[in-house]
Amino acid sequence: MRGRPSAQKNNTNTKHKKKKGTNNMSNNIPHIRNITGPEAAILLGEAPCTAVAEDRNIERSYVVDVRDPAEYEERHIAGAILLPLDTIEETAPSALPDKNAIIIVYCHSGHRAPVAAEILEGMGYTRLRVLGAMSNWTGATAIGSSASL
């Protein structure tokens, strides 16, 4: 019988530790959120606004393409800013001056966009939306180069 109360005591301690960790997590507000193509269109004003309250009142939004210049020239979201992943830390401050604006990040296959979002979050940007792959976008696209920073 002595083994049993000891095991129950360990279970109680484990449950308490998990609960404490859960409470800490609930206080954190995520700055990075994954979104779909239609949600991105809403945020950019290309579809009827049904966005969540936190996004609805933001006036400025940016679309950031983190691919290489050749990929961008082939096809990109109309109005997107080219900030290749390997230079984003140097180029973001001048290209994205409003750290509270919605920033929609995308790439070719969806692998670079979340990495870029994490870098931007570390730089103090607060409303990051990861579209992921270019193929998730169903709105207007453009071909050719644009001003990249």
N, C-alpha and C. Protein backbone atom coordinates (compact mmCIF):
# COMPACT_ATOMS: atom_id res chain seq x y z
N MET A 1 0.81 -1.19 0.00
CA MET A 1 0.00 0.00 0.00
C MET A 1 0.85 1.26 0.00
N ARG A 2 2.03 1.18 0.52
CA ARG A 2 2.86 2.38 0.55
C ARG A 2 3.27 2.80 -0.85
N GLY A 3 3.43 1.86 -1.77
CA GLY A 3 3.80 2.19 -3.14
C GLY A 3 2.70 2.97 -3.85
N ARG A 4 1.48 2.65 -3.56
CA ARG A 4 0.35 3.29 -4.23
C ARG A 4 0.20 4.78 -3.88
N PRO A 5 0.18 5.19 -2.64
CA PRO A 5 0.07 6.61 -2.34
C PRO A 5 1.22 7.41 -2.94
N SER A 6 2.40 6.80 -2.95
CA SER A 6 3.55 7.48 -3.54
C SER A 6 3.32 7.72 -5.02
N ALA A 7 2.76 6.74 -5.74
CA ALA A 7 2.47 6.89 -7.17
C ALA A 7 1.40 7.95 -7.39
N GLN A 8 0.40 7.96 -6.51
CA GLN A 8 -0.63 8.99 -6.64
C GLN A 8 -0.06 10.37 -6.41
N LYS A 9 0.85 10.49 -5.49
CA LYS A 9 1.47 11.76 -5.21
C LYS A 9 2.24 12.26 -6.45
N ASN A 10 2.97 11.35 -7.12
CA ASN A 10 3.70 11.72 -8.32
C ASN A 10 2.76 12.17 -9.43
N ASN A 11 1.63 11.48 -9.60
CA ASN A 11 0.66 11.88 -10.61
C ASN A 11 0.10 13.27 -10.33
N THR A 12 -0.16 13.54 -9.05
CA THR A 12 -0.69 14.85 -8.68
C THR A 12 0.32 15.94 -9.02
N ASN A 13 1.58 15.70 -8.72
CA ASN A 13 2.61 16.69 -9.02
C ASN A 13 2.74 16.91 -10.52
N THR A 14 2.66 15.85 -11.31
CA THR A 14 2.77 15.97 -12.76
C THR A 14 1.60 16.77 -13.31
N LYS A 15 0.40 16.49 -12.82
CA LYS A 15 -0.77 17.23 -13.28
C LYS A 15 -0.65 18.70 -12.93
N HIS A 16 -0.14 18.99 -11.75
CA HIS A 16 0.01 20.37 -11.34
C HIS A 16 1.00 21.11 -12.25
N LYS A 17 2.09 20.44 -12.59
CA LYS A 17 3.09 21.06 -13.45
C LYS A 17 2.52 21.35 -14.83
N LYS A 18 1.75 20.42 -15.40
CA LYS A 18 1.15 20.64 -16.71
C LYS A 18 0.17 21.80 -16.66
N LYS A 19 -0.62 21.86 -15.59
CA LYS A 19 -1.61 22.92 -15.47
C LYS A 19 -0.93 24.28 -15.41
N LYS A 20 0.16 24.36 -14.65
CA LYS A 20 0.89 25.61 -14.52
C LYS A 20 1.43 26.05 -15.89
N GLY A 21 1.99 25.14 -16.66
CA GLY A 21 2.49 25.46 -17.99
C GLY A 21 1.38 25.91 -18.92
N THR A 22 0.22 25.29 -18.83
CA THR A 22 -0.91 25.66 -19.67
C THR A 22 -1.36 27.07 -19.36
N ASN A 23 -1.38 27.42 -18.08
CA ASN A 23 -1.79 28.77 -17.69
C ASN A 23 -0.83 29.81 -18.25
N ASN A 24 0.46 29.50 -18.24
CA ASN A 24 1.43 30.44 -18.78
C ASN A 24 1.22 30.63 -20.28
N MET A 25 0.92 29.57 -21.00
CA MET A 25 0.73 29.65 -22.44
C MET A 25 -0.50 30.48 -22.80
N SER A 26 -1.54 30.42 -21.99
CA SER A 26 -2.77 31.13 -22.32
C SER A 26 -2.59 32.65 -22.26
N ASN A 27 -1.56 33.12 -21.59
CA ASN A 27 -1.31 34.55 -21.49
C ASN A 27 -0.55 35.08 -22.70
N ASN A 28 0.04 34.22 -23.50
CA ASN A 28 0.79 34.65 -24.67
C ASN A 28 -0.14 34.84 -25.86
N ILE A 29 0.03 35.96 -26.56
CA ILE A 29 -0.76 36.23 -27.75
C ILE A 29 0.13 35.96 -28.95
N PRO A 30 -0.25 35.05 -29.82
CA PRO A 30 0.61 34.75 -30.97
C PRO A 30 0.65 35.90 -31.96
N HIS A 31 1.83 36.19 -32.46
CA HIS A 31 2.00 37.23 -33.46
C HIS A 31 1.96 36.65 -34.86
N ILE A 32 2.15 35.36 -34.97
CA ILE A 32 2.17 34.69 -36.27
C ILE A 32 0.96 33.79 -36.37
N ARG A 33 0.24 33.91 -37.50
CA ARG A 33 -0.93 33.07 -37.72
C ARG A 33 -0.93 32.59 -39.17
N ASN A 34 -1.28 31.36 -39.40
CA ASN A 34 -1.43 30.85 -40.76
C ASN A 34 -2.79 31.28 -41.29
N ILE A 35 -2.83 31.66 -42.58
CA ILE A 35 -4.09 32.05 -43.21
C ILE A 35 -4.21 31.39 -44.57
N THR A 36 -5.43 31.38 -45.09
CA THR A 36 -5.70 30.82 -46.41
C THR A 36 -5.67 31.94 -47.45
N GLY A 37 -5.70 31.57 -48.72
CA GLY A 37 -5.77 32.54 -49.80
C GLY A 37 -6.98 33.45 -49.67
N PRO A 38 -8.19 32.92 -49.45
CA PRO A 38 -9.36 33.79 -49.29
C PRO A 38 -9.24 34.73 -48.09
N GLU A 39 -8.64 34.28 -47.00
CA GLU A 39 -8.44 35.17 -45.86
C GLU A 39 -7.47 36.29 -46.21
N ALA A 40 -6.43 35.97 -46.97
CA ALA A 40 -5.48 37.00 -47.41
C ALA A 40 -6.18 38.01 -48.30
N ALA A 41 -7.04 37.56 -49.18
CA ALA A 41 -7.78 38.46 -50.06
C ALA A 41 -8.65 39.42 -49.25
N ILE A 42 -9.25 38.94 -48.19
CA ILE A 42 -10.06 39.79 -47.32
C ILE A 42 -9.18 40.87 -46.68
N LEU A 43 -8.03 40.46 -46.16
CA LEU A 43 -7.14 41.40 -45.50
C LEU A 43 -6.62 42.46 -46.47
N LEU A 44 -6.52 42.11 -47.73
CA LEU A 44 -6.02 43.04 -48.74
C LEU A 44 -7.14 43.83 -49.42
N GLY A 45 -8.36 43.59 -48.98
CA GLY A 45 -9.48 44.33 -49.55
C GLY A 45 -9.94 43.83 -50.90
N GLU A 46 -9.57 42.60 -51.26
CA GLU A 46 -9.98 42.03 -52.54
C GLU A 46 -11.20 41.14 -52.43
N ALA A 47 -11.78 41.06 -51.24
CA ALA A 47 -12.97 40.24 -51.03
C ALA A 47 -13.80 40.92 -49.94
N PRO A 48 -15.08 40.57 -49.82
CA PRO A 48 -15.91 41.16 -48.77
C PRO A 48 -15.28 40.93 -47.39
N CYS A 49 -15.33 41.93 -46.56
CA CYS A 49 -14.66 41.88 -45.26
C CYS A 49 -15.44 41.05 -44.25
N THR A 50 -14.88 39.91 -43.90
CA THR A 50 -15.41 39.11 -42.81
C THR A 50 -14.27 38.74 -41.89
N ALA A 51 -13.21 39.54 -41.93
CA ALA A 51 -12.01 39.27 -41.13
C ALA A 51 -12.33 39.39 -39.64
N VAL A 52 -11.51 38.75 -38.84
CA VAL A 52 -11.71 38.81 -37.40
C VAL A 52 -11.47 40.23 -36.91
N ALA A 53 -12.03 40.55 -35.78
CA ALA A 53 -11.99 41.92 -35.25
C ALA A 53 -10.59 42.48 -35.14
N GLU A 54 -9.62 41.68 -34.74
CA GLU A 54 -8.27 42.21 -34.57
C GLU A 54 -7.67 42.69 -35.89
N ASP A 55 -8.07 42.12 -37.00
CA ASP A 55 -7.52 42.50 -38.30
C ASP A 55 -8.38 43.55 -39.00
N ARG A 56 -9.63 43.62 -38.69
CA ARG A 56 -10.58 44.47 -39.42
C ARG A 56 -10.23 45.95 -39.32
N ASN A 57 -9.68 46.39 -38.20
CA ASN A 57 -9.42 47.81 -38.00
C ASN A 57 -8.02 48.25 -38.41
N ILE A 58 -7.23 47.37 -38.93
CA ILE A 58 -5.88 47.72 -39.37
C ILE A 58 -5.97 48.27 -40.77
N GLU A 59 -5.46 49.46 -40.99
CA GLU A 59 -5.58 50.10 -42.30
C GLU A 59 -4.48 49.67 -43.26
N ARG A 60 -3.31 49.42 -42.78
CA ARG A 60 -2.18 49.13 -43.66
C ARG A 60 -1.83 47.65 -43.62
N SER A 61 -1.63 47.08 -44.78
CA SER A 61 -1.16 45.70 -44.85
C SER A 61 -0.12 45.60 -45.96
N TYR A 62 0.79 44.67 -45.79
CA TYR A 62 1.84 44.42 -46.77
C TYR A 62 1.79 42.96 -47.17
N VAL A 63 2.12 42.70 -48.42
CA VAL A 63 2.30 41.32 -48.88
C VAL A 63 3.79 41.19 -49.18
N VAL A 64 4.42 40.22 -48.55
CA VAL A 64 5.86 40.06 -48.69
C VAL A 64 6.18 38.72 -49.33
N ASP A 65 6.89 38.78 -50.44
CA ASP A 65 7.36 37.61 -51.16
C ASP A 65 8.80 37.37 -50.73
N VAL A 66 9.08 36.22 -50.13
CA VAL A 66 10.42 35.94 -49.61
C VAL A 66 11.22 35.01 -50.52
N ARG A 67 10.77 34.88 -51.77
CA ARG A 67 11.49 34.03 -52.72
C ARG A 67 12.67 34.80 -53.33
N ASP A 68 13.37 34.15 -54.22
CA ASP A 68 14.48 34.78 -54.93
C ASP A 68 13.93 35.69 -56.03
N PRO A 69 14.72 36.68 -56.48
CA PRO A 69 14.25 37.60 -57.52
C PRO A 69 13.75 36.90 -58.79
N ALA A 70 14.41 35.84 -59.23
CA ALA A 70 13.99 35.13 -60.45
C ALA A 70 12.59 34.53 -60.27
N GLU A 71 12.31 33.99 -59.10
CA GLU A 71 10.99 33.42 -58.83
C GLU A 71 9.94 34.53 -58.82
N TYR A 72 10.28 35.65 -58.23
CA TYR A 72 9.37 36.79 -58.15
C TYR A 72 9.03 37.30 -59.54
N GLU A 73 10.03 37.43 -60.40
CA GLU A 73 9.82 37.94 -61.76
C GLU A 73 8.92 37.01 -62.58
N GLU A 74 9.02 35.72 -62.33
CA GLU A 74 8.21 34.75 -63.06
C GLU A 74 6.72 34.94 -62.80
N ARG A 75 6.36 35.16 -61.52
CA ARG A 75 4.96 35.39 -61.14
C ARG A 75 4.91 35.69 -59.65
N HIS A 76 4.16 36.72 -59.28
CA HIS A 76 4.03 37.07 -57.87
C HIS A 76 2.65 37.68 -57.61
N ILE A 77 2.28 37.79 -56.36
CA ILE A 77 1.03 38.43 -56.00
C ILE A 77 1.15 39.91 -56.35
N ALA A 78 0.14 40.42 -57.02
CA ALA A 78 0.15 41.83 -57.43
C ALA A 78 0.32 42.72 -56.19
N GLY A 79 1.30 43.61 -56.27
CA GLY A 79 1.56 44.52 -55.17
C GLY A 79 2.51 43.98 -54.11
N ALA A 80 2.98 42.76 -54.27
CA ALA A 80 3.87 42.17 -53.27
C ALA A 80 5.23 42.86 -53.27
N ILE A 81 5.81 42.93 -52.11
CA ILE A 81 7.16 43.47 -51.94
C ILE A 81 8.12 42.29 -51.91
N LEU A 82 9.16 42.35 -52.71
CA LEU A 82 10.17 41.30 -52.73
C LEU A 82 11.19 41.54 -51.63
N LEU A 83 11.23 40.65 -50.67
CA LEU A 83 12.23 40.67 -49.61
C LEU A 83 12.77 39.25 -49.47
N PRO A 84 13.75 38.87 -50.29
CA PRO A 84 14.28 37.51 -50.22
C PRO A 84 14.67 37.12 -48.79
N LEU A 85 14.41 35.88 -48.45
CA LEU A 85 14.66 35.40 -47.09
C LEU A 85 16.08 35.69 -46.63
N ASP A 86 17.06 35.53 -47.51
CA ASP A 86 18.45 35.70 -47.09
C ASP A 86 18.84 37.15 -46.81
N THR A 87 17.97 38.11 -47.15
CA THR A 87 18.27 39.53 -46.86
C THR A 87 17.18 40.20 -46.03
N ILE A 88 16.21 39.46 -45.56
CA ILE A 88 15.05 40.07 -44.92
C ILE A 88 15.39 40.89 -43.67
N GLU A 89 16.38 40.46 -42.92
CA GLU A 89 16.74 41.21 -41.71
C GLU A 89 17.28 42.60 -42.05
N GLU A 90 17.98 42.71 -43.15
CA GLU A 90 18.55 44.00 -43.55
C GLU A 90 17.52 44.87 -44.27
N THR A 91 16.62 44.26 -45.04
CA THR A 91 15.71 45.03 -45.88
C THR A 91 14.36 45.35 -45.25
N ALA A 92 13.93 44.57 -44.29
CA ALA A 92 12.60 44.78 -43.70
C ALA A 92 12.40 46.14 -43.04
N PRO A 93 13.35 46.65 -42.27
CA PRO A 93 13.08 47.92 -41.60
C PRO A 93 12.69 49.07 -42.54
N SER A 94 13.31 49.17 -43.70
CA SER A 94 12.95 50.26 -44.61
C SER A 94 11.72 49.91 -45.45
N ALA A 95 11.53 48.64 -45.79
CA ALA A 95 10.39 48.23 -46.62
C ALA A 95 9.10 48.11 -45.82
N LEU A 96 9.21 47.79 -44.55
CA LEU A 96 8.05 47.57 -43.69
C LEU A 96 8.16 48.45 -42.44
N PRO A 97 7.95 49.74 -42.60
CA PRO A 97 8.17 50.65 -41.47
C PRO A 97 7.17 50.52 -40.32
N ASP A 98 5.95 50.04 -40.60
CA ASP A 98 4.92 49.94 -39.58
C ASP A 98 4.92 48.53 -38.99
N LYS A 99 5.44 48.40 -37.80
CA LYS A 99 5.54 47.08 -37.17
C LYS A 99 4.21 46.55 -36.66
N ASN A 100 3.17 47.38 -36.70
CA ASN A 100 1.83 46.94 -36.28
C ASN A 100 0.91 46.66 -37.46
N ALA A 101 1.40 46.83 -38.67
CA ALA A 101 0.59 46.55 -39.86
C ALA A 101 0.50 45.04 -40.06
N ILE A 102 -0.52 44.61 -40.77
CA ILE A 102 -0.62 43.19 -41.12
C ILE A 102 0.40 42.90 -42.21
N ILE A 103 1.18 41.87 -42.00
CA ILE A 103 2.19 41.47 -42.99
C ILE A 103 1.88 40.04 -43.40
N ILE A 104 1.54 39.87 -44.66
CA ILE A 104 1.22 38.56 -45.21
C ILE A 104 2.47 38.06 -45.93
N VAL A 105 2.98 36.92 -45.50
CA VAL A 105 4.24 36.39 -46.02
C VAL A 105 3.97 35.12 -46.83
N TYR A 106 4.61 35.03 -48.00
CA TYR A 106 4.48 33.82 -48.80
C TYR A 106 5.79 33.51 -49.52
N CYS A 107 5.88 32.27 -50.03
CA CYS A 107 7.04 31.82 -50.79
C CYS A 107 6.55 30.85 -51.86
N HIS A 108 7.43 30.05 -52.40
CA HIS A 108 7.04 29.12 -53.47
C HIS A 108 6.28 27.89 -52.93
N SER A 109 6.87 27.21 -51.96
CA SER A 109 6.28 25.95 -51.51
C SER A 109 5.74 25.98 -50.08
N GLY A 110 5.97 27.06 -49.36
CA GLY A 110 5.48 27.15 -48.00
C GLY A 110 6.52 26.87 -46.94
N HIS A 111 7.77 26.66 -47.33
CA HIS A 111 8.82 26.38 -46.35
C HIS A 111 9.53 27.64 -45.86
N ARG A 112 9.78 28.59 -46.73
CA ARG A 112 10.50 29.80 -46.36
C ARG A 112 9.60 30.81 -45.63
N ALA A 113 8.32 30.85 -45.95
CA ALA A 113 7.42 31.85 -45.36
C ALA A 113 7.36 31.78 -43.83
N PRO A 114 7.19 30.61 -43.22
CA PRO A 114 7.16 30.58 -41.76
C PRO A 114 8.50 30.98 -41.13
N VAL A 115 9.59 30.66 -41.81
CA VAL A 115 10.91 31.06 -41.31
C VAL A 115 11.02 32.58 -41.33
N ALA A 116 10.59 33.19 -42.43
CA ALA A 116 10.60 34.65 -42.55
C ALA A 116 9.72 35.28 -41.49
N ALA A 117 8.55 34.71 -41.23
CA ALA A 117 7.64 35.24 -40.23
C ALA A 117 8.28 35.22 -38.84
N GLU A 118 9.00 34.16 -38.54
CA GLU A 118 9.68 34.08 -37.24
C GLU A 118 10.78 35.13 -37.13
N ILE A 119 11.50 35.37 -38.22
CA ILE A 119 12.53 36.41 -38.22
C ILE A 119 11.88 37.77 -37.99
N LEU A 120 10.79 38.04 -38.71
CA LEU A 120 10.10 39.32 -38.56
C LEU A 120 9.54 39.49 -37.15
N GLU A 121 9.02 38.42 -36.59
CA GLU A 121 8.51 38.49 -35.22
C GLU A 121 9.64 38.87 -34.27
N GLY A 122 10.81 38.28 -34.48
CA GLY A 122 11.97 38.60 -33.65
C GLY A 122 12.42 40.05 -33.80
N MET A 123 12.05 40.66 -34.91
CA MET A 123 12.39 42.07 -35.16
C MET A 123 11.32 43.01 -34.61
N GLY A 124 10.25 42.47 -34.04
CA GLY A 124 9.23 43.30 -33.41
C GLY A 124 7.94 43.48 -34.19
N TYR A 125 7.78 42.80 -35.32
CA TYR A 125 6.52 42.89 -36.07
C TYR A 125 5.46 42.08 -35.33
N THR A 126 4.24 42.62 -35.27
CA THR A 126 3.24 42.04 -34.36
C THR A 126 2.04 41.37 -35.02
N ARG A 127 1.81 41.59 -36.32
CA ARG A 127 0.63 41.00 -36.97
C ARG A 127 1.05 40.27 -38.24
N LEU A 128 1.69 39.15 -38.04
CA LEU A 128 2.21 38.36 -39.16
C LEU A 128 1.23 37.28 -39.56
N ARG A 129 1.00 37.17 -40.85
CA ARG A 129 0.10 36.16 -41.39
C ARG A 129 0.87 35.37 -42.44
N VAL A 130 0.90 34.06 -42.29
CA VAL A 130 1.64 33.19 -43.20
C VAL A 130 0.67 32.58 -44.20
N LEU A 131 0.76 33.03 -45.44
CA LEU A 131 -0.03 32.45 -46.52
C LEU A 131 0.58 31.12 -46.93
N GLY A 132 1.88 31.01 -46.80
CA GLY A 132 2.57 29.79 -47.18
C GLY A 132 2.97 29.83 -48.63
N ALA A 133 2.48 28.86 -49.39
CA ALA A 133 2.85 28.71 -50.79
C ALA A 133 2.11 29.69 -51.70
N MET A 134 2.78 30.11 -52.75
CA MET A 134 2.17 30.98 -53.76
C MET A 134 0.90 30.35 -54.32
N SER A 135 0.87 29.05 -54.42
CA SER A 135 -0.29 28.35 -54.98
C SER A 135 -1.56 28.52 -54.13
N ASN A 136 -1.42 28.97 -52.88
CA ASN A 136 -2.59 29.22 -52.03
C ASN A 136 -3.33 30.49 -52.43
N TRP A 137 -2.69 31.34 -53.22
CA TRP A 137 -3.28 32.61 -53.63
C TRP A 137 -4.12 32.42 -54.87
N THR A 138 -5.34 32.95 -54.86
CA THR A 138 -6.22 32.83 -56.02
C THR A 138 -6.56 34.19 -56.62
N GLY A 139 -5.99 35.25 -56.06
CA GLY A 139 -6.28 36.60 -56.55
C GLY A 139 -5.35 37.02 -57.67
N ALA A 140 -5.26 38.32 -57.87
CA ALA A 140 -4.47 38.90 -58.97
C ALA A 140 -2.98 38.62 -58.78
N THR A 141 -2.34 38.32 -59.90
CA THR A 141 -0.89 38.13 -59.90
C THR A 141 -0.27 39.04 -60.95
N ALA A 142 1.03 39.16 -60.89
CA ALA A 142 1.77 39.99 -61.83
C ALA A 142 3.03 39.25 -62.28
N ILE A 143 3.59 39.71 -63.38
CA ILE A 143 4.80 39.13 -63.94
C ILE A 143 5.82 40.26 -64.07
N GLY A 144 7.07 39.94 -63.87
CA GLY A 144 8.13 40.93 -64.03
C GLY A 144 8.66 41.42 -62.70
N SER A 145 9.65 42.30 -62.81
CA SER A 145 10.29 42.79 -61.60
C SER A 145 9.55 43.99 -61.03
N SER A 146 9.85 44.26 -59.81
CA SER A 146 9.29 45.40 -59.12
C SER A 146 10.38 45.91 -58.21
N ALA A 147 10.12 47.00 -57.55
CA ALA A 147 11.12 47.53 -56.62
C ALA A 147 11.30 46.57 -55.48
N SER A 148 12.51 46.11 -55.31
CA SER A 148 12.83 45.30 -54.13
C SER A 148 13.83 46.07 -53.32
N LEU A 149 13.80 45.83 -52.05
CA LEU A 149 14.69 46.57 -51.17
C LEU A 149 15.73 45.68 -50.57
